[in-house]
Amino acid sequence: MSQRLSFVEKAGYSCGDAAANFVFMSMVLFQLNFYTDVFGLSANTAAAILLWPRLWDAVFDPVMGVLADRTNTRWGKFRPWVLWTTVPWCVVMIAAYTTPDPSWGWSTGMVIAYAGITNTLLMTLYSMNNMPYSALGGVMTGDLNERTKLNSYRFVSVNVAQFIVGGFTLPLVAKFAQGHDRAHGWQVTMTIWAAVCLVLFIVTFFTTKERIKPIVEVQASPKQDFTDLLKNGPWIALVAYTVFNFGMLSMRGGAHFNYYHHYVDKAAMFDFVAALGLTTPDPAGTGSLADALGYIVHGTRDSLTSSNVADVFNSLINMAGFGTTIVVIMLSAGLSARFGKRLVAVGGFALSTLAACALYLLPPTAVWAMLALHMLGAVFYAPTIAVMWAMYADAADYSEWQTGRRFTGMVFATIGFSLKAGLALGSAGFLWVLAGFFGYDTQMPTAPHAIEG
């Protein structure tokens, strides 16, 4: 089956995951520290709030797969879910990053419950939207090469979104916190990101079309679908790969934030940012492009204690990594055709993990080496993203060949389960290691030593 997709459809489809990554990358990069440093939760409490909703979400993913596979509308099976979840997604996204004001008179238990409920709702809506969205890519075309191209478009857009989230979130938070506090900064920033999500989801819905129909109507029970999946060797391998991949991604996101804020030498970071021309002695700005972007270090080299230099440095490092990924990911189709998807996925992940681990062997003043390792890791990791998701669609094809039935939703839902399980174990595990073994507390001077381990 050969079904070529237009540029508009591939670009429109890619908008959906770009939108999802305004939530996803906020979770990976900032949510852990948002709960401890802004919301005021202890490390152990934050770990529990990150773990249990994501484990629930992981369990909910297969349920969502069953619902999506059995959805029949004039728009298809998967496409309507993108539209139906758009408004609730945006509302809950804002609520999850709204910190209860002390004037509300809430008890500690109520604040913890609020964090847990909003995070659980956000995770549930993420599944209800992104699982059908991912499955949609498997039924837009049956051409394997077109699928790889489609996923290349998808992950170029994803990395543009990650570039924006990683580079601009903290400066926007700092900007909107002026005259208020960081809690207000987070609420306004996430409101802006929610508005962006709204537009992108609508674009995806109106520019895509489902073309592949099941050979026969789904007759088997969900239990039979899952039993058949257990006989699918490629699917089993992808589940294990996804847990390791996203567990490492989540752990790395939380570790990097703490690494740059509590371990890396602030004077070295200031000199790095100054070398790029992104410092000014006037916090009000001078009207330069740097001022317009918000990358202005408050304070001077002699007043680094209260400076935002770590936020600025962290943002620049994120932008360098995601910018590198945007360029390299365009090579995914060529690399997978030359070396095979499996080798690109496994080899790229292994090399990127080594680069990430090497980062923690550097002294706290080696900021340029940190930048180099971060970009090197992005070079290795970038091609794995597109080929990984293309392999999920291939696994659905394999199941159809095995069973004579197509249950794309179940395949992507169970992969979603492993993704969420990896995220949960990575983020919660990192917090519990810091709190349990190194006594990490954001309010205590032991924090830097906990990061060093």
Foldseek 3Di string as FASTA:
>chain_A
DFDADDPLLLLLLLLQLLLLLLVVLCLQFPQLVCCCPPLPDWLQLSLVLLFPLLLVLLVCLLVLLVQLLPDDDPQHRQLVLLVVLLVVLLVLLLQLLAHDDVVVVDDPVVRSVSNSVSSSSNSNSSSSNVLSSLLQLLQQGPDLLSSLVSLLSNVLSNLVSLLCSLQQLLLQLVVQCVVHHSSRSRSVSSNVSSVSSNVSSVSNSVSTGGHDDKPDRDDDDSVVVVVLLVVQVLLVVLLVLLLVLLLLSSLLSVLVLLCLVQFADLLLLQVVCVVVVLEDQDQVDDPDPSVVSSSYWYDDSVPRPPIPSSSSLSSVLSNLLSVLLSVLSVCLSVVCVVPNLVCLQVVLSVVLSVLSVVLLVDHSNPSVSNSVSSNVSSNSNNSNRSSSSSSLSVSQVVSCVVPVTGSSSSSSSNSSSSNSNSNSCNNSVSSCCLCPVQNARPVDSSSSVSSND
